[in-house]
Amino acid sequence: MRLVISDLGGVVVDNADSVPAIAAELGMPAEAFRALMGEDTRLLMEGTITPLEFWSRFRDRTGREVGEDLWEREFRPRTNPAVLTLLTRVRRRARVVAGTNTMEPHWPALQRLGLLAAFDAVYASHRMGLVKPDPRFYGRILAEERCPPAEALFFDDVLENVAGAREAGITAWQFRDPGSLESALRSCGLLNGRP
């Protein structure tokens, strides 16, 4: 393997799902918010609409005005140091990039964490115009990295995203915890010995 593609939220970053906090702020269940705004959330992650357009659509559907971008305010990510340590070790043997579904309001917080420097490149959905699990998302990364699918590895906490990567011909695993990730990376020859 010469290319490792890692998801960010749920893998390298904990507490990345801001929907429960946004829904609580709005006084509605998280699943109700997802049902109401799911397609618009995808468009926001795709970079097709702006946060202002998102909240305007929310207002049109609910009659409620939202005075600030809750996506930005309620996003409180924390890094997973064990995963970052593994990725640093893998970078000795392979190129390591991030492939993430994210949105413009989350980008400044991710930059402030300093974790983007842990990657050789970051492929963010809102900048690519594509979202996982669309196989074209992975295809774009492979094309940019000039890497055939057979020489790439992908991991993500969301099984649908793993399936999308596999459809693109990439070896892919569902992330569960740092220990199982370490075992998987070791089995591919990307880790050996102690840190």
N, C-alpha and C. Protein backbone atom coordinates (compact mmCIF):
# COMPACT_ATOMS: atom_id res chain seq x y z
N MET A 1 0.84 -1.18 0.00
CA MET A 1 0.00 0.00 0.00
C MET A 1 0.89 1.24 0.00
N ARG A 2 0.57 2.15 -0.88
CA ARG A 2 1.36 3.38 -0.90
C ARG A 2 0.54 4.61 -0.52
N LEU A 3 -0.80 4.44 -0.39
CA LEU A 3 -1.66 5.55 -0.02
C LEU A 3 -2.65 5.10 1.05
N VAL A 4 -2.70 5.82 2.15
CA VAL A 4 -3.68 5.58 3.20
C VAL A 4 -4.60 6.79 3.26
N ILE A 5 -5.90 6.54 3.14
CA ILE A 5 -6.91 7.60 3.20
C ILE A 5 -7.69 7.41 4.49
N SER A 6 -7.67 8.41 5.34
CA SER A 6 -8.36 8.34 6.63
C SER A 6 -9.52 9.33 6.67
N ASP A 7 -10.62 8.88 7.21
CA ASP A 7 -11.71 9.79 7.56
C ASP A 7 -11.22 10.66 8.72
N LEU A 8 -11.88 11.77 8.96
CA LEU A 8 -11.57 12.60 10.12
C LEU A 8 -12.57 12.35 11.25
N GLY A 9 -13.82 12.79 11.08
CA GLY A 9 -14.83 12.70 12.14
C GLY A 9 -15.15 11.26 12.51
N GLY A 10 -15.01 10.95 13.79
CA GLY A 10 -15.26 9.60 14.27
C GLY A 10 -14.03 8.71 14.22
N VAL A 11 -12.95 9.21 13.64
CA VAL A 11 -11.70 8.46 13.55
C VAL A 11 -10.58 9.28 14.19
N VAL A 12 -10.15 10.32 13.51
CA VAL A 12 -9.08 11.19 14.00
C VAL A 12 -9.65 12.25 14.94
N VAL A 13 -10.91 12.57 14.75
CA VAL A 13 -11.59 13.59 15.55
C VAL A 13 -12.78 12.96 16.25
N ASP A 14 -12.84 13.14 17.56
CA ASP A 14 -14.01 12.72 18.35
C ASP A 14 -14.95 13.91 18.49
N ASN A 15 -16.19 13.62 18.83
CA ASN A 15 -17.19 14.66 19.09
C ASN A 15 -17.42 15.53 17.85
N ALA A 16 -17.39 14.91 16.67
CA ALA A 16 -17.52 15.66 15.43
C ALA A 16 -18.96 15.87 15.00
N ASP A 17 -19.90 15.10 15.54
CA ASP A 17 -21.30 15.23 15.15
C ASP A 17 -21.95 16.34 15.95
N SER A 18 -22.17 17.48 15.31
CA SER A 18 -22.77 18.62 16.01
C SER A 18 -24.29 18.62 15.93
N VAL A 19 -24.89 17.67 15.21
CA VAL A 19 -26.35 17.65 15.06
C VAL A 19 -27.06 17.55 16.41
N PRO A 20 -26.67 16.67 17.33
CA PRO A 20 -27.39 16.63 18.61
C PRO A 20 -27.39 17.97 19.35
N ALA A 21 -26.27 18.68 19.35
CA ALA A 21 -26.20 19.98 20.03
C ALA A 21 -27.04 21.02 19.30
N ILE A 22 -27.01 21.00 17.97
CA ILE A 22 -27.83 21.94 17.18
C ILE A 22 -29.30 21.68 17.44
N ALA A 23 -29.70 20.41 17.37
CA ALA A 23 -31.10 20.06 17.59
C ALA A 23 -31.55 20.46 18.99
N ALA A 24 -30.71 20.23 19.99
CA ALA A 24 -31.05 20.62 21.36
C ALA A 24 -31.23 22.13 21.45
N GLU A 25 -30.36 22.88 20.81
CA GLU A 25 -30.47 24.34 20.79
C GLU A 25 -31.79 24.78 20.16
N LEU A 26 -32.23 24.02 19.16
CA LEU A 26 -33.48 24.35 18.46
C LEU A 26 -34.71 23.74 19.14
N GLY A 27 -34.48 22.94 20.19
CA GLY A 27 -35.60 22.33 20.92
C GLY A 27 -36.30 21.23 20.15
N MET A 28 -35.52 20.47 19.39
CA MET A 28 -36.11 19.37 18.63
C MET A 28 -35.20 18.15 18.71
N PRO A 29 -35.76 16.95 18.54
CA PRO A 29 -34.92 15.75 18.54
C PRO A 29 -33.94 15.76 17.36
N ALA A 30 -32.77 15.19 17.58
CA ALA A 30 -31.75 15.15 16.54
C ALA A 30 -32.27 14.46 15.28
N GLU A 31 -33.02 13.38 15.45
CA GLU A 31 -33.53 12.66 14.27
C GLU A 31 -34.54 13.50 13.50
N ALA A 32 -35.31 14.33 14.20
CA ALA A 32 -36.25 15.21 13.51
C ALA A 32 -35.49 16.25 12.69
N PHE A 33 -34.41 16.78 13.24
CA PHE A 33 -33.58 17.74 12.51
C PHE A 33 -32.97 17.07 11.28
N ARG A 34 -32.46 15.85 11.46
CA ARG A 34 -31.86 15.13 10.32
C ARG A 34 -32.90 14.86 9.24
N ALA A 35 -34.11 14.47 9.64
CA ALA A 35 -35.16 14.19 8.66
C ALA A 35 -35.55 15.46 7.91
N LEU A 36 -35.63 16.57 8.61
CA LEU A 36 -36.04 17.84 8.02
C LEU A 36 -34.96 18.43 7.12
N MET A 37 -33.70 18.32 7.54
CA MET A 37 -32.62 19.05 6.88
C MET A 37 -31.53 18.15 6.29
N GLY A 38 -31.77 16.85 6.24
CA GLY A 38 -30.74 15.91 5.79
C GLY A 38 -30.19 16.20 4.41
N GLU A 39 -31.07 16.43 3.44
CA GLU A 39 -30.61 16.70 2.08
C GLU A 39 -29.84 18.02 2.03
N ASP A 40 -30.31 19.01 2.77
CA ASP A 40 -29.61 20.29 2.79
C ASP A 40 -28.25 20.17 3.50
N THR A 41 -28.17 19.30 4.49
CA THR A 41 -26.89 19.05 5.15
C THR A 41 -25.90 18.45 4.15
N ARG A 42 -26.40 17.51 3.33
CA ARG A 42 -25.54 16.93 2.30
C ARG A 42 -25.06 18.01 1.33
N LEU A 43 -25.98 18.90 0.92
CA LEU A 43 -25.60 19.98 0.00
C LEU A 43 -24.58 20.93 0.64
N LEU A 44 -24.70 21.16 1.94
CA LEU A 44 -23.73 21.99 2.66
C LEU A 44 -22.36 21.31 2.68
N MET A 45 -22.36 19.99 2.93
CA MET A 45 -21.09 19.25 2.94
C MET A 45 -20.49 19.17 1.54
N GLU A 46 -21.33 19.22 0.53
CA GLU A 46 -20.88 19.18 -0.86
C GLU A 46 -20.37 20.55 -1.31
N GLY A 47 -20.68 21.59 -0.53
CA GLY A 47 -20.29 22.94 -0.91
C GLY A 47 -21.22 23.57 -1.92
N THR A 48 -22.38 22.95 -2.14
CA THR A 48 -23.35 23.45 -3.12
C THR A 48 -24.14 24.63 -2.57
N ILE A 49 -24.39 24.64 -1.26
CA ILE A 49 -25.07 25.76 -0.63
C ILE A 49 -24.20 26.30 0.50
N THR A 50 -24.46 27.55 0.87
CA THR A 50 -23.72 28.19 1.95
C THR A 50 -24.47 27.98 3.27
N PRO A 51 -23.80 28.22 4.40
CA PRO A 51 -24.51 28.15 5.68
C PRO A 51 -25.72 29.10 5.72
N LEU A 52 -25.58 30.28 5.14
CA LEU A 52 -26.70 31.23 5.11
C LEU A 52 -27.89 30.64 4.36
N GLU A 53 -27.63 29.99 3.22
CA GLU A 53 -28.70 29.35 2.46
C GLU A 53 -29.32 28.20 3.26
N PHE A 54 -28.47 27.45 3.96
CA PHE A 54 -28.98 26.34 4.78
C PHE A 54 -29.98 26.85 5.81
N TRP A 55 -29.59 27.88 6.56
CA TRP A 55 -30.47 28.38 7.63
C TRP A 55 -31.68 29.11 7.06
N SER A 56 -31.57 29.67 5.89
CA SER A 56 -32.72 30.26 5.22
C SER A 56 -33.74 29.18 4.87
N ARG A 57 -33.26 28.04 4.41
CA ARG A 57 -34.15 26.91 4.10
C ARG A 57 -34.80 26.37 5.37
N PHE A 58 -34.03 26.34 6.45
CA PHE A 58 -34.59 25.91 7.73
C PHE A 58 -35.72 26.85 8.14
N ARG A 59 -35.48 28.16 8.02
CA ARG A 59 -36.50 29.15 8.36
C ARG A 59 -37.75 28.98 7.49
N ASP A 60 -37.55 28.74 6.19
CA ASP A 60 -38.69 28.56 5.29
C ASP A 60 -39.54 27.36 5.68
N ARG A 61 -38.92 26.32 6.20
CA ARG A 61 -39.66 25.10 6.57
C ARG A 61 -40.29 25.18 7.96
N THR A 62 -39.65 25.92 8.84
CA THR A 62 -40.11 25.90 10.24
C THR A 62 -40.71 27.22 10.72
N GLY A 63 -40.44 28.29 10.00
CA GLY A 63 -40.87 29.60 10.46
C GLY A 63 -39.98 30.17 11.55
N ARG A 64 -38.90 29.47 11.87
CA ARG A 64 -37.99 29.90 12.94
C ARG A 64 -36.74 30.54 12.36
N GLU A 65 -36.42 31.70 12.85
CA GLU A 65 -35.20 32.40 12.44
C GLU A 65 -34.05 31.95 13.33
N VAL A 66 -32.93 31.60 12.73
CA VAL A 66 -31.73 31.24 13.48
C VAL A 66 -30.74 32.39 13.29
N GLY A 67 -30.36 33.02 14.40
CA GLY A 67 -29.57 34.24 14.33
C GLY A 67 -28.09 34.07 14.05
N GLU A 68 -27.57 32.85 14.20
CA GLU A 68 -26.15 32.61 13.95
C GLU A 68 -25.98 31.21 13.37
N ASP A 69 -24.82 30.96 12.82
CA ASP A 69 -24.57 29.65 12.22
C ASP A 69 -24.30 28.63 13.33
N LEU A 70 -25.30 27.81 13.60
CA LEU A 70 -25.16 26.80 14.65
C LEU A 70 -24.18 25.70 14.26
N TRP A 71 -23.96 25.49 12.97
CA TRP A 71 -22.96 24.51 12.55
C TRP A 71 -21.58 24.91 13.09
N GLU A 72 -21.28 26.18 13.02
CA GLU A 72 -19.98 26.65 13.50
C GLU A 72 -19.95 26.69 15.03
N ARG A 73 -21.00 27.23 15.63
CA ARG A 73 -21.00 27.42 17.08
C ARG A 73 -20.99 26.10 17.85
N GLU A 74 -21.69 25.10 17.35
CA GLU A 74 -21.85 23.85 18.10
C GLU A 74 -20.83 22.77 17.72
N PHE A 75 -19.90 23.09 16.85
CA PHE A 75 -18.87 22.12 16.46
C PHE A 75 -17.71 22.22 17.43
N ARG A 76 -17.52 21.17 18.22
CA ARG A 76 -16.47 21.16 19.26
C ARG A 76 -15.63 19.89 19.15
N PRO A 77 -14.87 19.78 18.10
CA PRO A 77 -14.10 18.55 17.89
C PRO A 77 -12.92 18.42 18.85
N ARG A 78 -12.55 17.18 19.11
CA ARG A 78 -11.35 16.85 19.90
C ARG A 78 -10.56 15.82 19.11
N THR A 79 -9.26 15.94 19.14
CA THR A 79 -8.44 14.96 18.41
C THR A 79 -8.35 13.65 19.19
N ASN A 80 -8.15 12.58 18.44
CA ASN A 80 -7.92 11.26 19.02
C ASN A 80 -6.41 11.02 18.94
N PRO A 81 -5.67 11.27 20.02
CA PRO A 81 -4.21 11.20 19.96
C PRO A 81 -3.67 9.83 19.58
N ALA A 82 -4.36 8.76 19.96
CA ALA A 82 -3.87 7.42 19.62
C ALA A 82 -3.89 7.20 18.11
N VAL A 83 -4.93 7.68 17.45
CA VAL A 83 -5.01 7.54 15.99
C VAL A 83 -3.97 8.43 15.32
N LEU A 84 -3.80 9.63 15.80
CA LEU A 84 -2.78 10.52 15.22
C LEU A 84 -1.38 9.91 15.33
N THR A 85 -1.09 9.26 16.44
CA THR A 85 0.20 8.60 16.62
C THR A 85 0.38 7.49 15.59
N LEU A 86 -0.66 6.70 15.37
CA LEU A 86 -0.59 5.64 14.36
C LEU A 86 -0.34 6.22 12.97
N LEU A 87 -1.05 7.28 12.63
CA LEU A 87 -0.89 7.87 11.30
C LEU A 87 0.50 8.46 11.11
N THR A 88 1.06 9.01 12.16
CA THR A 88 2.44 9.52 12.09
C THR A 88 3.41 8.38 11.78
N ARG A 89 3.19 7.25 12.41
CA ARG A 89 4.04 6.08 12.14
C ARG A 89 3.87 5.58 10.71
N VAL A 90 2.63 5.57 10.23
CA VAL A 90 2.35 5.09 8.87
C VAL A 90 3.01 5.99 7.83
N ARG A 91 3.10 7.28 8.11
CA ARG A 91 3.69 8.23 7.15
C ARG A 91 5.15 7.92 6.85
N ARG A 92 5.79 7.08 7.64
CA ARG A 92 7.16 6.66 7.34
C ARG A 92 7.19 5.69 6.14
N ARG A 93 6.05 5.06 5.85
CA ARG A 93 6.00 4.02 4.81
C ARG A 93 5.05 4.33 3.66
N ALA A 94 4.12 5.27 3.87
CA ALA A 94 3.10 5.54 2.85
C ALA A 94 2.66 7.00 2.95
N ARG A 95 2.06 7.46 1.90
CA ARG A 95 1.45 8.79 1.93
C ARG A 95 0.12 8.66 2.68
N VAL A 96 -0.14 9.58 3.59
CA VAL A 96 -1.36 9.55 4.40
C VAL A 96 -2.15 10.83 4.13
N VAL A 97 -3.39 10.65 3.66
CA VAL A 97 -4.26 11.79 3.37
C VAL A 97 -5.58 11.63 4.11
N ALA A 98 -6.26 12.74 4.31
CA ALA A 98 -7.60 12.71 4.90
C ALA A 98 -8.61 12.83 3.78
N GLY A 99 -9.68 12.05 3.88
CA GLY A 99 -10.82 12.14 2.97
C GLY A 99 -12.05 12.29 3.84
N THR A 100 -12.59 13.50 3.92
CA THR A 100 -13.61 13.79 4.93
C THR A 100 -14.83 14.50 4.38
N ASN A 101 -15.99 14.09 4.88
CA ASN A 101 -17.21 14.86 4.66
C ASN A 101 -17.22 15.94 5.73
N THR A 102 -17.10 17.17 5.29
CA THR A 102 -17.13 18.29 6.23
C THR A 102 -17.80 19.46 5.55
N MET A 103 -17.80 20.59 6.19
CA MET A 103 -18.46 21.77 5.65
C MET A 103 -17.66 23.01 6.02
N GLU A 104 -17.91 24.05 5.28
CA GLU A 104 -17.17 25.30 5.48
C GLU A 104 -17.21 25.79 6.93
N PRO A 105 -18.36 25.74 7.63
CA PRO A 105 -18.35 26.23 9.02
C PRO A 105 -17.45 25.42 9.96
N HIS A 106 -17.17 24.17 9.62
CA HIS A 106 -16.32 23.33 10.48
C HIS A 106 -14.83 23.50 10.18
N TRP A 107 -14.52 24.00 9.02
CA TRP A 107 -13.13 24.07 8.57
C TRP A 107 -12.23 24.86 9.51
N PRO A 108 -12.61 26.06 9.97
CA PRO A 108 -11.73 26.81 10.88
C PRO A 108 -11.41 26.04 12.17
N ALA A 109 -12.39 25.34 12.73
CA ALA A 109 -12.14 24.57 13.96
C ALA A 109 -11.16 23.44 13.70
N LEU A 110 -11.28 22.78 12.55
CA LEU A 110 -10.34 21.71 12.21
C LEU A 110 -8.93 22.27 12.03
N GLN A 111 -8.83 23.44 11.44
CA GLN A 111 -7.51 24.08 11.28
C GLN A 111 -6.92 24.46 12.63
N ARG A 112 -7.75 24.97 13.53
CA ARG A 112 -7.25 25.37 14.86
C ARG A 112 -6.72 24.18 15.65
N LEU A 113 -7.29 23.00 15.44
CA LEU A 113 -6.81 21.81 16.15
C LEU A 113 -5.38 21.45 15.75
N GLY A 114 -4.96 21.90 14.59
CA GLY A 114 -3.62 21.61 14.12
C GLY A 114 -3.47 20.21 13.54
N LEU A 115 -4.55 19.47 13.46
CA LEU A 115 -4.42 18.09 13.00
C LEU A 115 -4.28 17.97 11.49
N LEU A 116 -4.65 19.00 10.75
CA LEU A 116 -4.53 18.90 9.30
C LEU A 116 -3.08 18.75 8.87
N ALA A 117 -2.15 19.25 9.68
CA ALA A 117 -0.72 19.12 9.39
C ALA A 117 -0.24 17.67 9.54
N ALA A 118 -1.05 16.82 10.16
CA ALA A 118 -0.69 15.41 10.32
C ALA A 118 -0.85 14.64 9.01
N PHE A 119 -1.41 15.29 7.99
CA PHE A 119 -1.68 14.62 6.71
C PHE A 119 -0.85 15.23 5.60
N ASP A 120 -0.54 14.40 4.61
CA ASP A 120 0.16 14.89 3.43
C ASP A 120 -0.75 15.76 2.58
N ALA A 121 -2.05 15.50 2.64
CA ALA A 121 -3.06 16.30 1.94
C ALA A 121 -4.40 16.05 2.62
N VAL A 122 -5.31 17.00 2.48
CA VAL A 122 -6.66 16.86 3.03
C VAL A 122 -7.65 17.08 1.90
N TYR A 123 -8.51 16.10 1.70
CA TYR A 123 -9.56 16.17 0.69
C TYR A 123 -10.89 16.32 1.42
N ALA A 124 -11.41 17.55 1.38
CA ALA A 124 -12.63 17.90 2.11
C ALA A 124 -13.80 18.00 1.13
N SER A 125 -14.90 17.35 1.49
CA SER A 125 -16.06 17.28 0.61
C SER A 125 -16.53 18.66 0.14
N HIS A 126 -16.56 19.63 1.04
CA HIS A 126 -17.10 20.95 0.67
C HIS A 126 -16.20 21.66 -0.34
N ARG A 127 -14.96 21.22 -0.46
CA ARG A 127 -14.04 21.80 -1.45
C ARG A 127 -13.99 20.97 -2.73
N MET A 128 -14.38 19.71 -2.63
CA MET A 128 -14.35 18.80 -3.78
C MET A 128 -15.66 18.81 -4.57
N GLY A 129 -16.76 19.18 -3.90
CA GLY A 129 -18.07 19.12 -4.54
C GLY A 129 -18.63 17.71 -4.61
N LEU A 130 -18.07 16.82 -3.80
CA LEU A 130 -18.50 15.42 -3.74
C LEU A 130 -18.52 14.98 -2.28
N VAL A 131 -19.45 14.09 -1.94
CA VAL A 131 -19.51 13.57 -0.58
C VAL A 131 -19.45 12.05 -0.59
N LYS A 132 -18.87 11.52 0.47
CA LYS A 132 -18.91 10.07 0.67
C LYS A 132 -20.36 9.68 0.96
N PRO A 133 -20.81 8.55 0.52
CA PRO A 133 -20.08 7.40 -0.03
C PRO A 133 -19.99 7.35 -1.56
N ASP A 134 -20.23 8.44 -2.24
CA ASP A 134 -20.15 8.47 -3.70
C ASP A 134 -18.77 7.96 -4.14
N PRO A 135 -18.71 6.89 -4.94
CA PRO A 135 -17.41 6.37 -5.38
C PRO A 135 -16.55 7.41 -6.10
N ARG A 136 -17.17 8.42 -6.69
CA ARG A 136 -16.40 9.48 -7.36
C ARG A 136 -15.55 10.27 -6.37
N PHE A 137 -16.00 10.35 -5.10
CA PHE A 137 -15.21 11.02 -4.06
C PHE A 137 -13.83 10.36 -3.95
N TYR A 138 -13.84 9.03 -3.86
CA TYR A 138 -12.58 8.28 -3.72
C TYR A 138 -11.79 8.32 -5.03
N GLY A 139 -12.52 8.25 -6.15
CA GLY A 139 -11.87 8.32 -7.46
C GLY A 139 -11.10 9.62 -7.65
N ARG A 140 -11.68 10.71 -7.16
CA ARG A 140 -11.01 12.01 -7.26
C ARG A 140 -9.71 12.00 -6.46
N ILE A 141 -9.76 11.43 -5.26
CA ILE A 141 -8.55 11.36 -4.43
C ILE A 141 -7.49 10.52 -5.13
N LEU A 142 -7.89 9.36 -5.65
CA LEU A 142 -6.94 8.49 -6.35
C LEU A 142 -6.31 9.22 -7.54
N ALA A 143 -7.13 9.95 -8.29
CA ALA A 143 -6.61 10.68 -9.45
C ALA A 143 -5.63 11.76 -9.02
N GLU A 144 -5.99 12.52 -7.99
CA GLU A 144 -5.10 13.59 -7.50
C GLU A 144 -3.78 13.01 -6.97
N GLU A 145 -3.87 11.86 -6.33
CA GLU A 145 -2.69 11.23 -5.74
C GLU A 145 -1.94 10.34 -6.73
N ARG A 146 -2.50 10.19 -7.93
CA ARG A 146 -1.91 9.33 -8.96
C ARG A 146 -1.61 7.94 -8.41
N CYS A 147 -2.64 7.38 -7.80
CA CYS A 147 -2.50 6.08 -7.15
C CYS A 147 -3.60 5.13 -7.64
N PRO A 148 -3.24 3.94 -8.09
CA PRO A 148 -4.27 2.98 -8.48
C PRO A 148 -5.02 2.48 -7.24
N PRO A 149 -6.30 2.12 -7.40
CA PRO A 149 -7.09 1.65 -6.26
C PRO A 149 -6.44 0.50 -5.49
N ALA A 150 -5.78 -0.39 -6.20
CA ALA A 150 -5.18 -1.57 -5.56
C ALA A 150 -4.05 -1.21 -4.59
N GLU A 151 -3.53 0.01 -4.69
CA GLU A 151 -2.44 0.44 -3.82
C GLU A 151 -2.89 1.42 -2.74
N ALA A 152 -4.22 1.49 -2.54
CA ALA A 152 -4.76 2.43 -1.56
C ALA A 152 -5.55 1.69 -0.49
N LEU A 153 -5.56 2.28 0.69
CA LEU A 153 -6.29 1.76 1.85
C LEU A 153 -7.12 2.90 2.42
N PHE A 154 -8.36 2.59 2.81
CA PHE A 154 -9.25 3.61 3.37
C PHE A 154 -9.87 3.08 4.64
N PHE A 155 -10.03 3.95 5.64
CA PHE A 155 -10.79 3.57 6.82
C PHE A 155 -11.67 4.73 7.27
N ASP A 156 -12.84 4.34 7.78
CA ASP A 156 -13.90 5.29 8.15
C ASP A 156 -14.76 4.61 9.20
N ASP A 157 -15.37 5.38 10.07
CA ASP A 157 -16.25 4.79 11.08
C ASP A 157 -17.63 4.47 10.53
N VAL A 158 -18.00 5.00 9.36
CA VAL A 158 -19.32 4.79 8.78
C VAL A 158 -19.24 3.69 7.72
N LEU A 159 -20.01 2.63 7.92
CA LEU A 159 -19.96 1.47 7.04
C LEU A 159 -20.33 1.82 5.59
N GLU A 160 -21.29 2.72 5.39
CA GLU A 160 -21.66 3.13 4.03
C GLU A 160 -20.46 3.74 3.30
N ASN A 161 -19.66 4.50 4.00
CA ASN A 161 -18.48 5.11 3.38
C ASN A 161 -17.43 4.07 3.04
N VAL A 162 -17.31 3.06 3.88
CA VAL A 162 -16.42 1.93 3.60
C VAL A 162 -16.88 1.22 2.32
N ALA A 163 -18.19 1.01 2.20
CA ALA A 163 -18.74 0.35 1.01
C ALA A 163 -18.48 1.18 -0.24
N GLY A 164 -18.60 2.50 -0.15
CA GLY A 164 -18.32 3.37 -1.29
C GLY A 164 -16.87 3.26 -1.75
N ALA A 165 -15.96 3.19 -0.79
CA ALA A 165 -14.54 3.04 -1.13
C ALA A 165 -14.28 1.69 -1.80
N ARG A 166 -14.91 0.66 -1.27
CA ARG A 166 -14.75 -0.66 -1.88
C ARG A 166 -15.29 -0.68 -3.30
N GLU A 167 -16.41 0.02 -3.52
CA GLU A 167 -16.97 0.11 -4.86
C GLU A 167 -15.98 0.79 -5.82
N ALA A 168 -15.17 1.69 -5.28
CA ALA A 168 -14.14 2.37 -6.09
C ALA A 168 -12.88 1.51 -6.25
N GLY A 169 -12.89 0.29 -5.68
CA GLY A 169 -11.76 -0.62 -5.83
C GLY A 169 -10.70 -0.52 -4.76
N ILE A 170 -10.99 0.23 -3.69
CA ILE A 170 -10.02 0.46 -2.62
C ILE A 170 -10.24 -0.56 -1.50
N THR A 171 -9.16 -1.08 -0.94
CA THR A 171 -9.27 -1.89 0.28
C THR A 171 -9.74 -0.97 1.39
N ALA A 172 -10.81 -1.34 2.08
CA ALA A 172 -11.39 -0.44 3.08
C ALA A 172 -11.84 -1.20 4.31
N TRP A 173 -11.67 -0.55 5.46
CA TRP A 173 -12.08 -1.12 6.75
C TRP A 173 -12.91 -0.12 7.51
N GLN A 174 -13.80 -0.66 8.32
CA GLN A 174 -14.55 0.20 9.23
C GLN A 174 -13.72 0.40 10.49
N PHE A 175 -13.52 1.66 10.86
CA PHE A 175 -12.79 2.00 12.07
C PHE A 175 -13.67 1.73 13.28
N ARG A 176 -13.10 1.04 14.27
CA ARG A 176 -13.81 0.79 15.52
C ARG A 176 -13.08 1.42 16.71
N ASP A 177 -11.77 1.24 16.74
CA ASP A 177 -10.97 1.78 17.84
C ASP A 177 -9.50 1.76 17.41
N PRO A 178 -8.65 2.50 18.11
CA PRO A 178 -7.23 2.55 17.71
C PRO A 178 -6.55 1.18 17.69
N GLY A 179 -6.91 0.29 18.61
CA GLY A 179 -6.28 -1.03 18.64
C GLY A 179 -6.56 -1.85 17.40
N SER A 180 -7.82 -1.87 16.95
CA SER A 180 -8.14 -2.62 15.74
C SER A 180 -7.55 -1.95 14.50
N LEU A 181 -7.45 -0.62 14.52
CA LEU A 181 -6.80 0.08 13.41
C LEU A 181 -5.33 -0.30 13.34
N GLU A 182 -4.68 -0.33 14.48
CA GLU A 182 -3.26 -0.71 14.51
C GLU A 182 -3.07 -2.11 13.95
N SER A 183 -3.93 -3.04 14.32
CA SER A 183 -3.84 -4.42 13.80
C SER A 183 -4.01 -4.44 12.29
N ALA A 184 -4.98 -3.68 11.79
CA ALA A 184 -5.23 -3.64 10.35
C ALA A 184 -4.04 -3.04 9.60
N LEU A 185 -3.49 -1.96 10.12
CA LEU A 185 -2.34 -1.33 9.47
C LEU A 185 -1.12 -2.25 9.50
N ARG A 186 -0.96 -2.96 10.60
CA ARG A 186 0.15 -3.91 10.72
C ARG A 186 -0.02 -5.05 9.69
N SER A 187 -1.26 -5.52 9.52
CA SER A 187 -1.49 -6.63 8.58
C SER A 187 -1.20 -6.23 7.14
N CYS A 188 -1.25 -4.93 6.85
CA CYS A 188 -0.92 -4.43 5.51
C CYS A 188 0.56 -4.08 5.36
N GLY A 189 1.34 -4.32 6.41
CA GLY A 189 2.76 -4.02 6.36
C GLY A 189 3.09 -2.54 6.52
N LEU A 190 2.12 -1.77 7.03
CA LEU A 190 2.34 -0.34 7.18
C LEU A 190 2.90 0.05 8.55
N LEU A 191 2.92 -0.91 9.46
CA LEU A 191 3.50 -0.69 10.79
C LEU A 191 4.35 -1.89 11.14
N ASN A 192 5.42 -1.66 11.82
CA ASN A 192 6.18 -2.77 12.39
C ASN A 192 6.86 -2.28 13.65
N GLY A 193 7.12 -3.18 14.54
CA GLY A 193 7.81 -2.82 15.77
C GLY A 193 7.02 -1.89 16.65
N ARG A 194 7.71 -1.29 17.56
CA ARG A 194 7.10 -0.35 18.52
C ARG A 194 7.18 1.07 17.97
N PRO A 195 6.36 1.98 18.52
CA PRO A 195 6.38 3.37 18.05
C PRO A 195 7.76 4.01 18.15
